[in-house]
């Protein structure tokens, strides 16, 4: 794993609870480094991103449009320090996976016909994973690819305010292995 603050080869948090405060991820959490890891400054780190050397970026979202547009950096009227590296990651990674709650705090689905929040990047999302379903991009649209065992395709489709297609190989995921 790459961390935007300057290393490739991030491992899990230390198990014994005595973190090395010199090795932290971009969120400031102490982590380990895997054998062969490399540490470098943020210029090199963002060079990896800008040079399109990342196979996959995993991002959060406020909204994802059915055409793969991503809005994840600003809610109008809220103080926002900036978008960080999200815009470059969304544009430059070979694949973009979004991990998100299915609905926002007001109960509105985050998968929408068109984002009404400021875009981070257009048409970049390849896969959207929520606690209820997985949506994968087929051509220029996201499709319902799989559903949680407690859900049906119909219940997921009724929970969003946009029409989307179902993948021809729609399946329910295994509870032990989502």
Protein backbone atom coordinates (compact mmCIF):
# COMPACT_ATOMS: atom_id res chain seq x y z
CA UNK A 1 0.00 0.00 0.00
CA UNK A 2 1.08 3.55 -0.79
CA UNK A 3 0.55 6.36 1.70
CA UNK A 4 0.47 9.88 0.32
CA UNK A 5 2.70 11.15 3.12
CA UNK A 6 5.65 9.22 1.74
CA UNK A 7 5.96 5.45 1.69
CA UNK A 8 5.13 2.32 -0.27
CA UNK A 9 4.79 -0.94 1.59
CA UNK A 10 2.54 0.02 4.49
CA UNK A 11 1.73 -2.83 6.84
CA UNK A 12 -0.81 -3.19 9.63
CA UNK A 13 -0.78 -1.27 12.92
CA UNK A 14 1.66 -2.63 15.48
CA UNK A 15 0.06 -5.49 17.41
CA UNK A 16 1.80 -4.86 20.74
CA UNK A 17 0.36 -1.35 21.07
CA UNK A 18 3.72 0.45 21.21
CA UNK A 19 3.69 2.33 17.93
CA UNK A 20 6.70 3.94 16.30
CA UNK A 21 5.45 7.51 16.07
CA UNK A 22 7.85 8.12 13.18
CA UNK A 23 5.93 5.74 10.91
CA UNK A 24 2.38 7.01 10.47
CA UNK A 25 -0.15 6.85 7.64
CA UNK A 26 -1.69 9.93 6.05
CA UNK A 27 -4.29 10.02 8.83
CA UNK A 28 -1.62 10.12 11.55
CA UNK A 29 -2.15 6.51 12.73
CA UNK A 30 0.98 4.54 13.61
CA UNK A 31 1.59 1.67 11.18
CA UNK A 32 4.28 -0.85 10.33
CA UNK A 33 6.30 -1.17 7.15
CA UNK A 34 6.48 -4.44 5.24
CA UNK A 35 9.84 -5.91 4.18
CA UNK A 36 11.12 -4.02 1.15
CA UNK A 37 9.10 -0.88 1.94
CA UNK A 38 10.42 2.49 0.82
CA UNK A 39 10.12 5.88 2.54
CA UNK A 40 10.38 9.16 0.64
CA UNK A 41 9.22 12.77 0.69
CA UNK A 42 5.82 13.98 -0.48
CA UNK A 43 7.25 15.22 -3.80
CA UNK A 44 8.18 11.65 -4.75
CA UNK A 45 4.89 10.38 -3.30
CA UNK A 46 2.80 12.64 -5.50
CA UNK A 47 5.12 11.89 -8.42
CA UNK A 48 3.99 8.26 -8.10
CA UNK A 49 0.38 9.41 -8.28
CA UNK A 50 0.83 11.97 -11.06
CA UNK A 51 2.95 9.54 -13.06
CA UNK A 52 0.06 7.04 -12.99
CA UNK A 53 2.06 4.38 -11.14
CA UNK A 54 -0.80 3.35 -8.82
CA UNK A 55 -2.92 0.40 -9.89
CA UNK A 56 -5.77 1.12 -7.49
CA UNK A 57 -7.03 3.97 -5.35
CA UNK A 58 -9.59 3.36 -2.60
CA UNK A 59 -11.54 6.51 -1.73
CA UNK A 60 -14.62 7.56 0.20
CA UNK A 61 -17.52 9.53 -1.28
CA UNK A 62 -20.31 11.96 -0.56
CA UNK A 63 -21.91 11.07 -3.92
CA UNK A 64 -21.22 8.79 -6.88
CA UNK A 65 -23.13 9.28 -10.14
CA UNK A 66 -24.18 6.32 -12.27
CA UNK A 67 -21.70 7.47 -14.94
CA UNK A 68 -18.84 7.15 -12.43
CA UNK A 69 -18.50 10.81 -11.44
CA UNK A 70 -17.14 11.24 -7.90
CA UNK A 71 -17.87 13.97 -5.35
CA UNK A 72 -15.87 13.44 -2.17
CA UNK A 73 -14.16 16.64 -1.13
CA UNK A 74 -16.61 19.44 -0.42
CA UNK A 75 -20.09 20.05 0.91
CA UNK A 76 -21.16 23.62 0.10
CA UNK A 77 -21.45 25.79 3.20
CA UNK A 78 -19.07 23.61 5.24
CA UNK A 79 -15.49 24.59 6.04
CA UNK A 80 -13.19 22.54 3.83
CA UNK A 81 -9.42 22.71 4.24
CA UNK A 82 -8.93 21.40 0.70
CA UNK A 83 -9.30 18.24 -1.28
CA UNK A 84 -5.91 16.79 -0.42
CA UNK A 85 -4.75 14.22 -2.94
CA UNK A 86 -8.20 12.85 -3.78
CA UNK A 87 -8.52 14.65 -7.11
CA UNK A 88 -5.20 13.39 -8.39
CA UNK A 89 -5.80 9.88 -7.08
CA UNK A 90 -9.23 9.77 -8.73
CA UNK A 91 -7.83 10.98 -12.05
CA UNK A 92 -4.53 9.11 -12.16
CA UNK A 93 -5.02 5.67 -10.57
CA UNK A 94 -5.67 2.91 -13.08
CA UNK A 95 -8.78 1.84 -11.13
CA UNK A 96 -10.84 3.69 -8.52
CA UNK A 97 -12.84 1.82 -5.88
CA UNK A 98 -15.16 3.79 -3.62
CA UNK A 99 -15.98 2.44 -0.15
CA UNK A 100 -18.98 4.24 1.27
CA UNK A 101 -22.11 3.97 3.35
CA UNK A 102 -25.10 3.31 1.11
CA UNK A 103 -26.92 6.43 2.34
CA UNK A 104 -25.95 9.81 3.78
CA UNK A 105 -26.90 11.07 7.26
CA UNK A 106 -30.31 12.13 5.95
CA UNK A 107 -31.04 8.68 4.51
CA UNK A 108 -30.47 9.69 0.87
CA UNK A 109 -28.70 7.20 -1.37
CA UNK A 110 -25.16 8.21 -2.27
CA UNK A 111 -25.53 6.65 -5.72
CA UNK A 112 -27.26 9.36 -7.75
CA UNK A 113 -28.22 10.17 -11.34
CA UNK A 114 -25.95 13.22 -11.30
CA UNK A 115 -23.76 14.64 -8.53
CA UNK A 116 -25.01 17.96 -7.19
CA UNK A 117 -21.91 18.42 -5.03
CA UNK A 118 -18.63 19.71 -6.50
CA UNK A 119 -16.90 16.96 -8.47
CA UNK A 120 -13.59 15.49 -7.47
CA UNK A 121 -13.25 13.78 -10.85
CA UNK A 122 -15.53 12.90 -13.75
CA UNK A 123 -16.19 9.30 -14.78
CA UNK A 124 -13.47 7.82 -12.58
CA UNK A 125 -15.29 5.29 -10.37
CA UNK A 126 -14.88 1.66 -11.44
CA UNK A 127 -16.49 0.04 -8.39
CA UNK A 128 -18.72 1.31 -5.58
CA UNK A 129 -18.92 -0.90 -2.49
CA UNK A 130 -21.51 -0.20 0.22
CA UNK A 131 -22.79 -2.24 3.14
CA UNK A 132 -25.77 -3.26 0.98
CA UNK A 133 -24.38 -3.86 -2.48
CA UNK A 134 -21.54 -3.69 -4.98
CA UNK A 135 -21.88 -1.66 -8.17
CA UNK A 136 -19.42 -2.17 -11.04
CA UNK A 137 -18.83 -0.09 -14.12
CA UNK A 138 -19.84 -1.70 -17.39
CA UNK A 139 -19.19 0.60 -20.31
CA UNK A 140 -20.14 4.10 -19.23
CA UNK A 141 -22.56 3.18 -16.41
CA UNK A 142 -22.43 1.55 -13.00
CA UNK A 143 -24.49 -1.63 -12.70
CA UNK A 144 -25.68 -3.59 -9.69
CA UNK A 145 -23.18 -6.45 -9.48
CA UNK A 146 -23.87 -8.14 -6.14
CA UNK A 147 -25.98 -7.73 -3.03
CA UNK A 148 -25.51 -8.48 0.67
CA UNK A 149 -27.18 -11.75 1.77
CA UNK A 150 -29.83 -9.79 3.72
CA UNK A 151 -30.75 -7.77 0.62
CA UNK A 152 -32.44 -8.47 -2.68
CA UNK A 153 -31.73 -6.75 -5.97
CA UNK A 154 -35.18 -5.20 -5.71
CA UNK A 155 -34.58 -3.78 -2.21
CA UNK A 156 -31.30 -2.21 -3.32
CA UNK A 157 -32.78 -0.78 -6.51
CA UNK A 158 -35.72 0.67 -4.55
CA UNK A 159 -33.27 2.36 -2.16
CA UNK A 160 -31.74 4.53 -4.89
CA UNK A 161 -33.45 7.29 -6.85
CA UNK A 162 -31.97 6.39 -10.20
CA UNK A 163 -32.50 3.57 -12.66
CA UNK A 164 -29.52 1.33 -13.17
CA UNK A 165 -29.04 -1.99 -14.90
CA UNK A 166 -28.28 -5.24 -13.15
CA UNK A 167 -25.16 -7.11 -14.12
CA UNK A 168 -26.05 -10.31 -15.98
CA UNK A 169 -24.10 -12.31 -13.39
CA UNK A 170 -25.76 -10.66 -10.34
CA UNK A 171 -25.02 -12.60 -7.18
CA UNK A 172 -25.35 -12.46 -3.43
CA UNK A 173 -22.03 -12.35 -1.63
CA UNK A 174 -20.95 -14.89 0.95
CA UNK A 175 -21.21 -13.60 4.53
CA UNK A 176 -17.69 -14.79 5.35
CA UNK A 177 -16.18 -13.43 2.13
CA UNK A 178 -17.82 -10.22 0.82
